[in-house]
Amino acid sequence: MATVNFSVPDEVKEAFNRTFARRNKSVIIAELMRKVVEEAKQQKRREEAFRILTARRSKRSTVTDEEIRATREEDCL
């Protein structure tokens, strides 16, 4: 297991220590680190999906308002 050192503002440290006074702070910090790593991975996946969808957008065919209206009317029959 690794040991890490971070500098945080005193008020953050004090609030953290008060909030988690009777809990294993190492476990809490490790869980928070896992969560932010997963959130960063998820954000990267979202950005990649957005990039792919945006790139495909220019390649798809366009549909006129009249074609959309006609399709809607056909579906309603």
PDB file of N, CA and C in Angstrom:
ATOM      1  N   MET A   1       0.847  -1.165   0.000  1.00  0.00           N
ATOM      2  CA  MET A   1       0.000   0.000   0.000  1.00  0.00           C
ATOM      3  C   MET A   1       0.898   1.235   0.000  1.00  0.00           C
ATOM      4  N   ALA A   2       0.483   2.232  -0.774  1.00  0.00           N
ATOM      5  CA  ALA A   2       1.266   3.454  -0.907  1.00  0.00           C
ATOM      6  C   ALA A   2       0.817   4.505   0.099  1.00  0.00           C
ATOM      7  N   THR A   3       1.726   5.407   0.385  1.00  0.00           N
ATOM      8  CA  THR A   3       1.412   6.568   1.220  1.00  0.00           C
ATOM      9  C   THR A   3       1.521   7.798   0.344  1.00  0.00           C
ATOM     10  N   VAL A   4       0.533   8.698   0.430  1.00  0.00           N
ATOM     11  CA  VAL A   4       0.553   9.931  -0.355  1.00  0.00           C
ATOM     12  C   VAL A   4       0.417  11.122   0.578  1.00  0.00           C
ATOM     13  N   ASN A   5       0.991  12.228   0.155  1.00  0.00           N
ATOM     14  CA  ASN A   5       0.899  13.464   0.926  1.00  0.00           C
ATOM     15  C   ASN A   5       0.320  14.549   0.032  1.00  0.00           C
ATOM     16  N   PHE A   6      -0.722  15.217   0.518  1.00  0.00           N
ATOM     17  CA  PHE A   6      -1.344  16.308  -0.217  1.00  0.00           C
ATOM     18  C   PHE A   6      -1.445  17.517   0.693  1.00  0.00           C
ATOM     19  N   SER A   7      -1.301  18.670   0.112  1.00  0.00           N
ATOM     20  CA  SER A   7      -1.539  19.904   0.852  1.00  0.00           C
ATOM     21  C   SER A   7      -2.955  20.364   0.570  1.00  0.00           C
ATOM     22  N   VAL A   8      -3.686  20.628   1.629  1.00  0.00           N
ATOM     23  CA  VAL A   8      -5.057  21.132   1.500  1.00  0.00           C
ATOM     24  C   VAL A   8      -5.201  22.328   2.429  1.00  0.00           C
ATOM     25  N   PRO A   9      -6.145  23.207   2.130  1.00  0.00           N
ATOM     26  CA  PRO A   9      -6.373  24.338   3.032  1.00  0.00           C
ATOM     27  C   PRO A   9      -6.745  23.846   4.433  1.00  0.00           C
ATOM     28  N   ASP A  10      -6.297  24.584   5.424  1.00  0.00           N
ATOM     29  CA  ASP A  10      -6.561  24.193   6.816  1.00  0.00           C
ATOM     30  C   ASP A  10      -8.044  24.002   7.094  1.00  0.00           C
ATOM     31  N   GLU A  11      -8.888  24.883   6.545  1.00  0.00           N
ATOM     32  CA  GLU A  11     -10.326  24.757   6.824  1.00  0.00           C
ATOM     33  C   GLU A  11     -10.911  23.477   6.226  1.00  0.00           C
ATOM     34  N   VAL A  12     -10.365  23.018   5.105  1.00  0.00           N
ATOM     35  CA  VAL A  12     -10.829  21.760   4.503  1.00  0.00           C
ATOM     36  C   VAL A  12     -10.419  20.596   5.390  1.00  0.00           C
ATOM     37  N   LYS A  13      -9.175  20.606   5.841  1.00  0.00           N
ATOM     38  CA  LYS A  13      -8.691  19.546   6.728  1.00  0.00           C
ATOM     39  C   LYS A  13      -9.511  19.492   8.001  1.00  0.00           C
ATOM     40  N   GLU A  14      -9.768  20.641   8.614  1.00  0.00           N
ATOM     41  CA  GLU A  14     -10.528  20.685   9.853  1.00  0.00           C
ATOM     42  C   GLU A  14     -11.959  20.192   9.655  1.00  0.00           C
ATOM     43  N   ALA A  15     -12.586  20.617   8.572  1.00  0.00           N
ATOM     44  CA  ALA A  15     -13.959  20.171   8.289  1.00  0.00           C
ATOM     45  C   ALA A  15     -13.994  18.669   8.031  1.00  0.00           C
ATOM     46  N   PHE A  16     -13.023  18.162   7.299  1.00  0.00           N
ATOM     47  CA  PHE A  16     -12.933  16.726   7.016  1.00  0.00           C
ATOM     48  C   PHE A  16     -12.769  15.946   8.316  1.00  0.00           C
ATOM     49  N   ASN A  17     -11.839  16.399   9.151  1.00  0.00           N
ATOM     50  CA  ASN A  17     -11.603  15.708  10.421  1.00  0.00           C
ATOM     51  C   ASN A  17     -12.825  15.742  11.327  1.00  0.00           C
ATOM     52  N   ARG A  18     -13.553  16.858  11.355  1.00  0.00           N
ATOM     53  CA  ARG A  18     -14.776  16.930  12.160  1.00  0.00           C
ATOM     54  C   ARG A  18     -15.849  15.998  11.611  1.00  0.00           C
ATOM     55  N   THR A  19     -16.016  16.030  10.301  1.00  0.00           N
ATOM     56  CA  THR A  19     -17.075  15.243   9.661  1.00  0.00           C
ATOM     57  C   THR A  19     -16.838  13.746   9.808  1.00  0.00           C
ATOM     58  N   PHE A  20     -15.576  13.332   9.707  1.00  0.00           N
ATOM     59  CA  PHE A  20     -15.254  11.899   9.728  1.00  0.00           C
ATOM     60  C   PHE A  20     -14.430  11.528  10.962  1.00  0.00           C
ATOM     61  N   ALA A  21     -14.760  12.124  12.089  1.00  0.00           N
ATOM     62  CA  ALA A  21     -13.972  11.965  13.310  1.00  0.00           C
ATOM     63  C   ALA A  21     -13.768  10.509  13.727  1.00  0.00           C
ATOM     64  N   ARG A  22     -14.768   9.701  13.613  1.00  0.00           N
ATOM     65  CA  ARG A  22     -14.671   8.326  14.107  1.00  0.00           C
ATOM     66  C   ARG A  22     -14.547   7.301  12.984  1.00  0.00           C
ATOM     67  N   ARG A  23     -14.131   7.759  11.824  1.00  0.00           N
ATOM     68  CA  ARG A  23     -14.024   6.832  10.686  1.00  0.00           C
ATOM     69  C   ARG A  23     -12.589   6.746  10.209  1.00  0.00           C
ATOM     70  N   ASN A  24     -12.293   5.697   9.469  1.00  0.00           N
ATOM     71  CA  ASN A  24     -10.963   5.497   8.908  1.00  0.00           C
ATOM     72  C   ASN A  24     -10.805   6.445   7.717  1.00  0.00           C
ATOM     73  N   LYS A  25     -10.058   7.494   7.931  1.00  0.00           N
ATOM     74  CA  LYS A  25      -9.916   8.527   6.899  1.00  0.00           C
ATOM     75  C   LYS A  25      -9.179   8.020   5.673  1.00  0.00           C
ATOM     76  N   SER A  26      -8.276   7.090   5.848  1.00  0.00           N
ATOM     77  CA  SER A  26      -7.560   6.524   4.691  1.00  0.00           C
ATOM     78  C   SER A  26      -8.525   5.812   3.750  1.00  0.00           C
ATOM     79  N   VAL A  27      -9.477   5.095   4.317  1.00  0.00           N
ATOM     80  CA  VAL A  27     -10.486   4.401   3.506  1.00  0.00           C
ATOM     81  C   VAL A  27     -11.337   5.423   2.762  1.00  0.00           C
ATOM     82  N   ILE A  28     -11.720   6.486   3.430  1.00  0.00           N
ATOM     83  CA  ILE A  28     -12.552   7.520   2.812  1.00  0.00           C
ATOM     84  C   ILE A  28     -11.802   8.188   1.660  1.00  0.00           C
ATOM     85  N   ILE A  29     -10.555   8.569   1.906  1.00  0.00           N
ATOM     86  CA  ILE A  29      -9.751   9.214   0.864  1.00  0.00           C
ATOM     87  C   ILE A  29      -9.543   8.270  -0.323  1.00  0.00           C
ATOM     88  N   ALA A  30      -9.272   7.008  -0.052  1.00  0.00           N
ATOM     89  CA  ALA A  30      -9.080   6.040  -1.138  1.00  0.00           C
ATOM     90  C   ALA A  30     -10.346   5.902  -1.980  1.00  0.00           C
ATOM     91  N   GLU A  31     -11.501   5.863  -1.312  1.00  0.00           N
ATOM     92  CA  GLU A  31     -12.771   5.762  -2.039  1.00  0.00           C
ATOM     93  C   GLU A  31     -13.023   7.007  -2.879  1.00  0.00           C
ATOM     94  N   LEU A  32     -12.743   8.169  -2.326  1.00  0.00           N
ATOM     95  CA  LEU A  32     -12.892   9.412  -3.089  1.00  0.00           C
ATOM     96  C   LEU A  32     -11.977   9.411  -4.311  1.00  0.00           C
ATOM     97  N   MET A  33     -10.764   8.933  -4.139  1.00  0.00           N
ATOM     98  CA  MET A  33      -9.826   8.864  -5.272  1.00  0.00           C
ATOM     99  C   MET A  33     -10.347   7.909  -6.346  1.00  0.00           C
ATOM    100  N   ARG A  34     -10.877   6.754  -5.909  1.00  0.00           N
ATOM    101  CA  ARG A  34     -11.452   5.807  -6.885  1.00  0.00           C
ATOM    102  C   ARG A  34     -12.588   6.459  -7.672  1.00  0.00           C
ATOM    103  N   LYS A  35     -13.443   7.183  -6.960  1.00  0.00           N
ATOM    104  CA  LYS A  35     -14.590   7.825  -7.607  1.00  0.00           C
ATOM    105  C   LYS A  35     -14.153   8.859  -8.635  1.00  0.00           C
ATOM    106  N   VAL A  36     -13.191   9.704  -8.276  1.00  0.00           N
ATOM    107  CA  VAL A  36     -12.792  10.740  -9.233  1.00  0.00           C
ATOM    108  C   VAL A  36     -12.048  10.156 -10.413  1.00  0.00           C
ATOM    109  N   VAL A  37     -11.324   9.049 -10.211  1.00  0.00           N
ATOM    110  CA  VAL A  37     -10.682   8.365 -11.345  1.00  0.00           C
ATOM    111  C   VAL A  37     -11.754   7.823 -12.284  1.00  0.00           C
ATOM    112  N   GLU A  38     -12.788   7.190 -11.729  1.00  0.00           N
ATOM    113  CA  GLU A  38     -13.876   6.655 -12.557  1.00  0.00           C
ATOM    114  C   GLU A  38     -14.628   7.784 -13.260  1.00  0.00           C
ATOM    115  N   GLU A  39     -14.870   8.890 -12.564  1.00  0.00           N
ATOM    116  CA  GLU A  39     -15.540  10.034 -13.189  1.00  0.00           C
ATOM    117  C   GLU A  39     -14.718  10.595 -14.341  1.00  0.00           C
ATOM    118  N   ALA A  40     -13.406  10.646 -14.180  1.00  0.00           N
ATOM    119  CA  ALA A  40     -12.536  11.135 -15.262  1.00  0.00           C
ATOM    120  C   ALA A  40     -12.591  10.194 -16.469  1.00  0.00           C
ATOM    121  N   LYS A  41     -12.599   8.882 -16.212  1.00  0.00           N
ATOM    122  CA  LYS A  41     -12.718   7.906 -17.308  1.00  0.00           C
ATOM    123  C   LYS A  41     -14.056   8.067 -18.019  1.00  0.00           C
ATOM    124  N   GLN A  42     -15.125   8.234 -17.240  1.00  0.00           N
ATOM    125  CA  GLN A  42     -16.457   8.391 -17.823  1.00  0.00           C
ATOM    126  C   GLN A  42     -16.532   9.672 -18.658  1.00  0.00           C
ATOM    127  N   GLN A  43     -15.936  10.739 -18.164  1.00  0.00           N
ATOM    128  CA  GLN A  43     -15.918  11.990 -18.914  1.00  0.00           C
ATOM    129  C   GLN A  43     -15.174  11.817 -20.233  1.00  0.00           C
ATOM    130  N   LYS A  44     -14.084  11.090 -20.206  1.00  0.00           N
ATOM    131  CA  LYS A  44     -13.320  10.832 -21.430  1.00  0.00           C
ATOM    132  C   LYS A  44     -14.153  10.029 -22.429  1.00  0.00           C
ATOM    133  N   ARG A  45     -14.911   9.034 -21.926  1.00  0.00           N
ATOM    134  CA  ARG A  45     -15.790   8.248 -22.807  1.00  0.00           C
ATOM    135  C   ARG A  45     -16.880   9.124 -23.412  1.00  0.00           C
ATOM    136  N   ARG A  46     -17.445  10.016 -22.604  1.00  0.00           N
ATOM    137  CA  ARG A  46     -18.474  10.930 -23.117  1.00  0.00           C
ATOM    138  C   ARG A  46     -17.917  11.837 -24.197  1.00  0.00           C
ATOM    139  N   GLU A  47     -16.729  12.371 -23.958  1.00  0.00           N
ATOM    140  CA  GLU A  47     -16.113  13.258 -24.947  1.00  0.00           C
ATOM    141  C   GLU A  47     -15.831  12.513 -26.248  1.00  0.00           C
ATOM    142  N   GLU A  48     -15.387  11.279 -26.155  1.00  0.00           N
ATOM    143  CA  GLU A  48     -15.124  10.474 -27.346  1.00  0.00           C
ATOM    144  C   GLU A  48     -16.426  10.175 -28.087  1.00  0.00           C
ATOM    145  N   ALA A  49     -17.480   9.823 -27.354  1.00  0.00           N
ATOM    146  CA  ALA A  49     -18.779   9.563 -27.985  1.00  0.00           C
ATOM    147  C   ALA A  49     -19.289  10.822 -28.676  1.00  0.00           C
ATOM    148  N   PHE A  50     -19.150  11.966 -28.025  1.00  0.00           N
ATOM    149  CA  PHE A  50     -19.576  13.230 -28.620  1.00  0.00           C
ATOM    150  C   PHE A  50     -18.782  13.516 -29.897  1.00  0.00           C
ATOM    151  N   ARG A  51     -17.474  13.265 -29.849  1.00  0.00           N
ATOM    152  CA  ARG A  51     -16.629  13.489 -31.027  1.00  0.00           C
ATOM    153  C   ARG A  51     -17.077  12.603 -32.192  1.00  0.00           C
ATOM    154  N   ILE A  52     -17.353  11.344 -31.906  1.00  0.00           N
ATOM    155  CA  ILE A  52     -17.790  10.406 -32.948  1.00  0.00           C
ATOM    156  C   ILE A  52     -19.139  10.835 -33.518  1.00  0.00           C
ATOM    157  N   LEU A  53     -20.085  11.148 -32.646  1.00  0.00           N
ATOM    158  CA  LEU A  53     -21.413  11.551 -33.117  1.00  0.00           C
ATOM    159  C   LEU A  53     -21.352  12.844 -33.925  1.00  0.00           C
ATOM    160  N   THR A  54     -20.535  13.769 -33.478  1.00  0.00           N
ATOM    161  CA  THR A  54     -20.392  15.031 -34.197  1.00  0.00           C
ATOM    162  C   THR A  54     -19.778  14.798 -35.577  1.00  0.00           C
ATOM    163  N   ALA A  55     -18.790  13.929 -35.650  1.00  0.00           N
ATOM    164  CA  ALA A  55     -18.154  13.630 -36.937  1.00  0.00           C
ATOM    165  C   ALA A  55     -19.146  12.951 -37.886  1.00  0.00           C
ATOM    166  N   ARG A  56     -19.976  12.066 -37.372  1.00  0.00           N
ATOM    167  CA  ARG A  56     -20.962  11.366 -38.208  1.00  0.00           C
ATOM    168  C   ARG A  56     -22.072  12.293 -38.683  1.00  0.00           C
ATOM    169  N   ARG A  57     -22.318  13.327 -37.925  1.00  0.00           N
ATOM    170  CA  ARG A  57     -23.422  14.229 -38.249  1.00  0.00           C
ATOM    171  C   ARG A  57     -23.285  14.818 -39.643  1.00  0.00           C
ATOM    172  N   SER A  58     -22.086  15.171 -40.027  1.00  0.00           N
ATOM    173  CA  SER A  58     -21.881  15.785 -41.342  1.00  0.00           C
ATOM    174  C   SER A  58     -22.054  14.779 -42.479  1.00  0.00           C
ATOM    175  N   LYS A  59     -22.025  13.491 -42.162  1.00  0.00           N
ATOM    176  CA  LYS A  59     -22.122  12.458 -43.198  1.00  0.00           C
ATOM    177  C   LYS A  59     -23.534  11.935 -43.398  1.00  0.00           C
ATOM    178  N   ARG A  60     -24.438  12.247 -42.480  1.00  0.00           N
ATOM    179  CA  ARG A  60     -25.793  11.703 -42.621  1.00  0.00           C
ATOM    180  C   ARG A  60     -26.611  12.585 -43.567  1.00  0.00           C
ATOM    181  N   SER A  61     -27.608  11.970 -44.146  1.00  0.00           N
ATOM    182  CA  SER A  61     -28.443  12.703 -45.093  1.00  0.00           C
ATOM    183  C   SER A  61     -29.398  13.627 -44.351  1.00  0.00           C
ATOM    184  N   THR A  62     -29.782  14.678 -45.022  1.00  0.00           N
ATOM    185  CA  THR A  62     -30.721  15.609 -44.421  1.00  0.00           C
ATOM    186  C   THR A  62     -32.142  15.257 -44.854  1.00  0.00           C
ATOM    187  N   VAL A  63     -33.085  15.650 -44.054  1.00  0.00           N
ATOM    188  CA  VAL A  63     -34.493  15.397 -44.325  1.00  0.00           C
ATOM    189  C   VAL A  63     -35.212  16.740 -44.257  1.00  0.00           C
ATOM    190  N   THR A  64     -36.057  16.966 -45.229  1.00  0.00           N
ATOM    191  CA  THR A  64     -36.782  18.234 -45.256  1.00  0.00           C
ATOM    192  C   THR A  64     -37.956  18.205 -44.288  1.00  0.00           C
ATOM    193  N   ASP A  65     -38.462  19.381 -43.962  1.00  0.00           N
ATOM    194  CA  ASP A  65     -39.640  19.479 -43.102  1.00  0.00           C
ATOM    195  C   ASP A  65     -40.824  18.746 -43.723  1.00  0.00           C
ATOM    196  N   GLU A  66     -40.943  18.856 -45.038  1.00  0.00           N
ATOM    197  CA  GLU A  66     -42.049  18.197 -45.727  1.00  0.00           C
ATOM    198  C   GLU A  66     -41.957  16.675 -45.602  1.00  0.00           C
ATOM    199  N   GLU A  67     -40.748  16.127 -45.697  1.00  0.00           N
ATOM    200  CA  GLU A  67     -40.571  14.675 -45.557  1.00  0.00           C
ATOM    201  C   GLU A  67     -40.907  14.218 -44.136  1.00  0.00           C
ATOM    202  N   ILE A  68     -40.514  14.993 -43.166  1.00  0.00           N
ATOM    203  CA  ILE A  68     -40.823  14.667 -41.769  1.00  0.00           C
ATOM    204  C   ILE A  68     -42.333  14.695 -41.553  1.00  0.00           C
ATOM    205  N   ARG A  69     -42.979  15.732 -42.063  1.00  0.00           N
ATOM    206  CA  ARG A  69     -44.431  15.872 -41.914  1.00  0.00           C
ATOM    207  C   ARG A  69     -45.143  14.698 -42.592  1.00  0.00           C
ATOM    208  N   ALA A  70     -44.714  14.331 -43.798  1.00  0.00           N
ATOM    209  CA  ALA A  70     -45.344  13.232 -44.525  1.00  0.00           C
ATOM    210  C   ALA A  70     -45.184  11.920 -43.758  1.00  0.00           C
ATOM    211  N   THR A  71     -44.019  11.688 -43.192  1.00  0.00           N
ATOM    212  CA  THR A  71     -43.786  10.462 -42.420  1.00  0.00           C
ATOM    213  C   THR A  71     -44.676  10.428 -41.187  1.00  0.00           C
ATOM    214  N   ARG A  72     -44.803  11.548 -40.501  1.00  0.00           N
ATOM    215  CA  ARG A  72     -45.672  11.619 -39.339  1.00  0.00           C
ATOM    216  C   ARG A  72     -47.112  11.320 -39.713  1.00  0.00           C
ATOM    217  N   GLU A  73     -47.554  11.893 -40.821  1.00  0.00           N
ATOM    218  CA  GLU A  73     -48.929  11.672 -41.255  1.00  0.00           C
ATOM    219  C   GLU A  73     -49.150  10.206 -41.621  1.00  0.00           C
ATOM    220  N   GLU A  74     -48.170   9.587 -42.266  1.00  0.00           N
ATOM    221  CA  GLU A  74     -48.300   8.166 -42.616  1.00  0.00           C
ATOM    222  C   GLU A  74     -48.389   7.308 -41.360  1.00  0.00           C
ATOM    223  N   ASP A  75     -47.589   7.650 -40.353  1.00  0.00           N
ATOM    224  CA  ASP A  75     -47.580   6.860 -39.109  1.00  0.00           C
ATOM    225  C   ASP A  75     -48.888   7.002 -38.331  1.00  0.00           C
ATOM    226  N   CYS A  76     -49.580   8.104 -38.538  1.00  0.00           N
ATOM    227  CA  CYS A  76     -50.826   8.337 -37.800  1.00  0.00           C
ATOM    228  C   CYS A  76     -52.005   7.603 -38.438  1.00  0.00           C
ATOM    229  N   LEU A  77     -51.858   7.137 -39.622  1.00  0.00           N
ATOM    230  CA  LEU A  77     -52.984   6.453 -40.293  1.00  0.00           C
ATOM    231  C   LEU A  77     -53.187   5.069 -39.832  1.00  0.00           C
TER     232      LEU A  77
END
